[in-house]
Protein backbone atom coordinates (compact mmCIF):
# COMPACT_ATOMS: atom_id res chain seq x y z
CA GLN A 1 23.06 56.60 -41.62
CA ALA A 2 20.00 56.31 -39.36
CA GLU A 3 17.70 59.07 -38.16
CA LEU A 4 20.17 60.55 -35.61
CA GLY A 5 22.99 60.85 -38.15
CA VAL A 6 24.96 57.86 -36.83
CA ASN A 7 25.25 54.30 -38.04
CA GLU A 8 22.73 51.64 -37.08
CA HIS A 9 24.89 50.10 -34.37
CA HIS A 10 25.40 53.42 -32.60
CA GLN A 11 21.72 54.31 -32.99
CA ASN A 12 20.77 51.06 -31.28
CA GLU A 13 23.08 52.00 -28.43
CA VAL A 14 21.39 55.42 -28.23
CA ILE A 15 17.99 53.72 -28.13
CA SER A 16 19.17 51.51 -25.26
CA TYR A 17 20.35 54.55 -23.33
CA MET A 18 17.08 56.40 -24.00
CA ARG A 19 15.14 53.42 -22.66
CA PHE A 20 17.32 53.47 -19.58
CA ALA A 21 16.84 57.21 -19.17
CA ARG A 22 13.06 56.88 -19.71
CA PHE A 23 12.95 54.18 -17.07
CA LYS A 24 14.87 56.35 -14.60
CA ARG A 25 12.63 59.30 -15.43
CA GLY A 26 9.53 57.18 -14.79
CA MET A 27 10.98 56.06 -11.46
CA CYS A 28 11.63 59.69 -10.51
CA LEU A 29 8.08 60.71 -11.43
CA LYS A 30 6.70 57.83 -9.42
CA THR A 31 8.76 59.00 -6.46
CA VAL A 32 7.38 62.52 -6.81
CA ASP A 33 3.83 61.15 -7.11
CA SER A 34 4.37 59.04 -3.98
CA CYS A 35 5.48 62.17 -2.13
CA PHE A 36 2.18 63.84 -2.94
CA GLN A 37 0.25 60.66 -2.14
CA ASP A 38 2.00 60.35 1.20
CA LEU A 39 1.02 63.94 1.97
CA LYS A 40 -2.57 63.21 1.08
CA ASP A 41 -2.66 60.05 3.17
CA SER A 42 -0.88 61.44 6.21
CA ARG A 43 -1.89 65.09 6.45
CA LEU A 44 -5.15 65.61 4.54
CA VAL A 45 -7.41 63.87 7.06
CA GLU A 46 -9.45 66.90 8.05
CA GLU A 47 -11.95 68.95 6.06
CA THR A 48 -10.59 72.39 6.93
CA PHE A 49 -7.06 73.72 7.43
CA THR A 50 -5.65 77.02 8.46
CA VAL A 51 -3.29 79.00 6.27
CA ASP A 52 -0.32 78.15 8.48
CA GLU A 53 -1.11 74.46 8.28
CA VAL A 54 -1.38 74.60 4.47
CA ILE A 55 1.92 76.51 4.28
CA ASP A 56 3.55 73.98 6.60
CA MET A 57 2.33 71.06 4.48
CA LEU A 58 3.48 72.71 1.24
CA ASP A 59 6.87 73.51 2.74
CA GLY A 60 7.32 69.92 3.82
CA LEU A 61 6.21 68.67 0.42
CA GLN A 62 8.57 71.10 -1.31
CA SER A 63 11.48 69.94 0.80
CA VAL A 64 10.79 66.26 0.07
CA VAL A 65 10.24 66.80 -3.69
CA HIS A 66 13.30 69.08 -3.90
CA GLY A 67 15.46 66.41 -2.27
CA GLU A 68 14.18 63.64 -4.54
CA VAL A 69 14.56 65.70 -7.75
CA GLU A 70 18.03 66.92 -6.76
CA SER A 71 19.14 63.38 -5.95
CA GLU A 72 17.80 62.13 -9.28
CA LEU A 73 19.48 64.96 -11.24
CA ILE A 74 22.80 64.29 -9.52
CA ASN A 75 22.44 60.59 -10.21
CA THR A 76 21.64 61.35 -13.88
CA THR A 77 24.79 63.50 -14.14
CA TYR A 78 26.93 60.76 -12.67
CA THR A 79 25.29 58.23 -15.00
CA ASN A 80 26.15 60.39 -18.02
CA VAL A 81 29.74 60.66 -16.81
CA LEU A 82 29.98 56.87 -16.57
CA LEU A 83 28.56 56.58 -20.09
CA LEU A 84 31.15 59.03 -21.43
CA ARG A 85 33.84 57.13 -19.55
CA GLN A 86 32.87 53.90 -21.33
CA LEU A 87 32.98 55.62 -24.72
CA PHE A 88 36.31 57.32 -24.04
CA SER A 89 37.84 54.08 -22.74
CA GLN A 90 36.86 52.25 -25.93
CA ALA A 91 38.23 55.11 -28.05
CA GLU A 92 41.52 55.11 -26.18
CA LYS A 93 41.98 51.44 -26.97
CA TRP A 94 42.15 52.50 -30.62
CA TYR A 95 44.33 55.53 -29.83
CA LEU A 96 41.52 57.96 -30.68
CA LYS A 97 40.76 61.28 -28.99
CA LEU A 98 37.06 62.11 -28.87
CA GLN A 99 35.78 65.68 -28.53
CA THR A 100 32.46 67.02 -27.24
CA ASP A 101 30.63 70.27 -27.94
CA VAL A 102 28.69 71.28 -24.83
CA SER A 103 26.94 74.09 -26.70
CA ASP A 104 25.02 71.51 -28.76
CA LEU A 105 23.43 70.20 -25.56
CA GLU A 106 21.23 73.33 -25.46
CA ASN A 107 20.44 73.38 -29.17
CA ARG A 108 16.64 73.45 -29.21
CA GLU A 109 16.41 72.11 -32.75
CA LEU A 110 18.55 69.11 -31.90
CA LEU A 111 16.66 68.58 -28.64
CA ASP A 112 13.35 68.60 -30.53
CA GLN A 113 14.81 66.12 -32.99
CA VAL A 114 15.82 63.78 -30.17
CA ALA A 115 12.37 64.19 -28.56
CA GLU A 116 10.67 63.32 -31.84
CA PHE A 117 12.99 60.34 -32.26
CA GLU A 118 12.21 59.15 -28.73
CA LYS A 119 8.48 59.56 -29.33
CA SER A 120 8.57 57.59 -32.58
CA GLU A 121 10.80 54.93 -31.04
CA TYR A 122 8.56 54.64 -27.99
CA THR A 123 5.49 54.29 -30.19
CA SER A 124 7.14 51.59 -32.29
CA SER A 125 8.54 49.81 -29.27
CA THR A 126 5.09 49.40 -27.72
CA LYS A 127 4.26 47.04 -30.55
CA LYS A 128 7.21 44.82 -29.66
CA SER A 129 7.89 42.72 -26.63
CA THR A 130 9.29 44.57 -23.68
CA ALA A 131 13.04 44.11 -23.37
CA ASP A 132 15.34 44.74 -20.44
CA PRO A 133 15.62 48.55 -20.31
CA ILE A 134 19.11 48.49 -18.84
CA LYS A 135 22.07 46.93 -20.55
CA PRO A 136 24.94 46.13 -18.28
CA LYS A 137 27.62 47.68 -20.46
CA LEU A 138 28.54 48.77 -23.94
CA ALA A 139 30.22 45.96 -25.84
CA PRO A 140 33.74 46.76 -26.97
CA LEU A 141 34.41 47.08 -30.67
CA ASN A 142 35.77 43.99 -32.38
CA GLU A 143 38.65 43.90 -34.83
CA GLY A 144 36.47 44.09 -37.92
CA GLY A 145 34.12 46.71 -36.59
CA SER A 146 35.53 49.74 -38.40
CA GLU A 147 37.58 49.97 -41.56
CA LEU A 148 38.61 53.51 -40.69
CA LEU A 149 39.95 52.42 -37.31
CA ASN A 150 41.87 49.56 -38.93
CA LYS A 151 43.43 51.96 -41.42
CA THR A 152 44.24 54.37 -38.64
CA VAL A 153 45.84 51.63 -36.55
CA ALA A 154 47.82 50.37 -39.56
CA HIS A 155 49.01 53.91 -40.27
CA LEU A 156 49.98 54.39 -36.63
CA GLN A 157 51.85 51.09 -36.62
CA GLU A 158 53.72 52.12 -39.75
CA GLU A 159 54.58 55.46 -38.18
CA ASN A 160 55.67 53.60 -35.06
CA GLU A 161 58.04 51.41 -37.08
CA LYS A 162 59.44 54.49 -38.80
CA LEU A 163 59.93 56.17 -35.45
CA LYS A 164 61.66 53.06 -34.08
CA THR A 165 64.00 52.99 -37.08
CA ARG A 166 64.68 56.69 -36.71
CA LEU A 167 65.23 56.22 -32.98
CA LYS A 168 67.81 53.50 -33.63
CA THR A 169 69.56 55.77 -36.14
CA ILE A 170 69.55 58.63 -33.64
CA GLU A 171 70.83 56.32 -30.89
CA THR A 172 73.66 55.16 -33.17
CA GLN A 173 74.52 58.75 -34.02
CA ALA A 174 74.31 59.73 -30.37
CA THR A 175 76.62 56.86 -29.38
CA ALA A 176 79.12 57.89 -32.07
CA ALA A 177 78.86 61.50 -30.92
CA LEU A 178 79.47 60.46 -27.31
CA ASP A 179 82.51 58.42 -28.36
CA GLU A 180 83.83 61.35 -30.36
CA LYS A 181 83.15 63.63 -27.41
CA SER A 182 85.07 61.28 -25.09
CA LYS A 183 88.01 61.22 -27.53
CA LEU A 184 87.99 65.01 -27.81
CA GLU A 185 87.81 65.40 -24.03
CA LYS A 186 90.76 63.00 -23.62
CA SER A 187 92.71 64.90 -26.30
CA LEU A 188 91.85 68.16 -24.58
CA ARG A 189 93.04 66.84 -21.21
CA ASP A 190 96.29 65.58 -22.79
CA LEU A 191 96.77 68.92 -24.51
CA GLN A 192 96.11 70.77 -21.25
CA MET A 193 98.63 68.52 -19.47
CA ILE A 194 101.20 69.16 -22.21
CA GLN A 195 100.49 72.87 -22.10
CA GLY A 196 100.80 72.76 -18.33
CA ASP A 197 104.18 70.98 -18.56
CA GLN A 198 105.31 73.37 -21.27
CA LYS A 199 104.15 76.29 -19.17
CA ASN A 200 106.04 74.96 -16.15
CA ASN A 201 109.14 74.36 -18.29
CA ALA A 202 108.74 77.79 -19.85
CA ASN A 203 108.39 79.36 -16.41
CA GLN A 204 111.46 77.46 -15.26
CA ASP A 205 113.42 78.52 -18.38
CA ILE A 206 112.29 82.11 -17.93
CA THR A 207 113.35 82.02 -14.29
CA GLU A 208 116.76 80.62 -15.23
CA LEU A 209 117.10 83.17 -18.03
CA GLU A 210 116.14 85.98 -15.67
CA ASN A 211 118.74 84.75 -13.18
CA LYS A 212 121.36 84.62 -15.94
CA VAL A 213 120.41 88.09 -17.14
CA ALA A 214 120.57 89.38 -13.58
CA ALA A 215 124.01 87.76 -13.11
CA LEU A 216 125.25 89.14 -16.44
CA LYS A 217 123.87 92.55 -15.58
CA SER A 218 125.61 92.45 -12.20
CA GLN A 219 128.83 91.28 -13.84
CA PHE A 220 128.51 93.92 -16.54
CA GLU A 221 127.95 96.64 -13.95
CA LYS A 222 130.93 95.38 -12.02
CA THR A 223 133.05 95.24 -15.18
CA LEU A 224 131.81 98.68 -16.18
CA ASN A 225 132.74 100.04 -12.80
CA ASP A 226 136.14 98.35 -12.98
CA THR A 227 136.63 99.62 -16.54
CA THR A 228 135.66 103.13 -15.49
CA ALA A 229 138.09 102.98 -12.61
CA ASN A 230 140.82 101.56 -14.87
CA GLN A 231 140.12 104.19 -17.51
CA LYS A 232 140.33 106.91 -14.94
CA PHE A 233 143.55 105.41 -13.61
CA LEU A 234 144.99 105.06 -17.13
CA GLU A 235 144.05 108.63 -17.98
CA GLU A 236 145.78 109.82 -14.85
CA ASP A 237 148.76 107.57 -15.62
CA LEU A 238 148.84 108.84 -19.22
CA VAL A 239 148.91 112.44 -18.05
CA THR A 240 151.71 111.58 -15.64
CA THR A 241 153.58 109.70 -18.37
CA LYS A 242 153.22 112.64 -20.78
CA HIS A 243 154.57 114.92 -18.14
CA ASP A 244 157.46 112.54 -17.53
CA LEU A 245 158.07 112.22 -21.31
CA LEU A 246 158.18 115.97 -21.78
CA LYS A 247 160.45 116.20 -18.84
CA VAL A 248 162.72 113.48 -20.25
CA GLN A 249 162.66 115.12 -23.74
CA ASP A 250 163.61 118.41 -22.20
CA GLN A 251 166.36 116.73 -20.23
CA LEU A 252 167.52 114.89 -23.37
CA SER A 253 167.60 118.10 -25.39
CA THR A 254 169.51 119.81 -22.67
CA ALA A 255 171.87 116.86 -22.47
CA GLU A 256 172.40 116.88 -26.26
CA LYS A 257 173.13 120.57 -26.23
CA GLU A 258 175.56 120.16 -23.38
CA LEU A 259 177.13 117.15 -25.10
CA GLU A 260 177.48 119.03 -28.37
CA LYS A 261 178.92 121.97 -26.54
CA LYS A 262 181.36 119.74 -24.74
CA PHE A 263 182.25 117.93 -27.98
CA GLN A 264 182.99 121.21 -29.74
CA GLN A 265 185.28 122.15 -26.96
CA THR A 266 187.43 119.02 -27.40
CA ALA A 267 190.81 119.01 -29.38
CA ALA A 268 189.69 116.22 -31.65
CA TYR A 269 186.69 118.23 -32.75
CA ARG A 270 188.83 121.19 -33.47
CA ASN A 271 191.37 119.14 -35.46
CA MET A 272 188.63 117.45 -37.42
CA LYS A 273 187.11 120.79 -38.16
CA GLU A 274 190.43 122.11 -39.46
CA ILE A 275 190.91 119.04 -41.61
CA LEU A 276 187.42 119.37 -43.03
CA THR A 277 188.10 123.01 -43.77
CA LYS A 278 191.34 122.15 -45.63
CA LYS A 279 189.60 119.42 -47.56
CA ASN A 280 186.89 121.80 -48.57
CA GLU A 281 189.49 124.26 -49.83
CA GLN A 282 191.21 121.55 -51.81
CA ILE A 283 187.95 120.48 -53.35
CA LYS A 284 187.15 124.02 -54.36
CA ASP A 285 190.57 124.33 -55.92
CA LEU A 286 190.21 121.12 -57.86
CA ARG A 287 186.80 122.26 -59.15
CA ARG A 288 188.37 125.50 -60.40
CA ARG A 289 191.07 123.56 -62.16
CA LEU A 290 188.66 121.22 -63.75
CA SER A 291 186.52 124.08 -64.95
CA LYS A 292 189.57 125.66 -66.65
């Protein structure tokens, strides 16, 4: 590590930038000096001036110096942005993300360290031949410039290969899942069609069954009505028949009585009765004899 806490290569780059900045600073100071010299040459030609004239000259000088300094500060800001852009571009080529701490830019200790470094570098550089203070561009890092970057790139490449392999596995699984999803959707559609047909058939069967039940109910009600009417008619007929039967039985009894009465009044009945009476007497007589 060199005096600024960076490696020698980076310190040389810092020295080149400081030379460039010192050159630009010298140009700015020369411009400011020329502003004062122009004022001296163009306005200070008389021995006495009024207060208003002095104020007018100072105001004009202030305006010119203010414009020059502002322009130089803006240009310095833009120059620093371009420098950061070069560094970030080189870092991005190696997939690095650089970070800056703006608070360190106002660290007085660090600023004094840089000032001391610039002073010592300027003193030592005066002993050497003057080189071009402005380099056109920072040279990009070569392949063997940093072992850490090489390791980082190798690690990233390895991770990239792992991610590619994992991506292929995920794509295969996703394809299989999509195929399975397509099969399930087809099965679901078939099942829905079957269920729809079954539902239609079931609705048709239910409708037919309802019609049959309605017809049977109508027929049953009709049969029930007919049966009720027939039962009522049969009950009435039974009552009439019972009445007729009783009437016939009464007539038959009366006829039997009359017939018996008429039969008793006949000569044959009387003769038979006399014969039976004689036979009974003979039987009684025979029984008496037998008993003796």
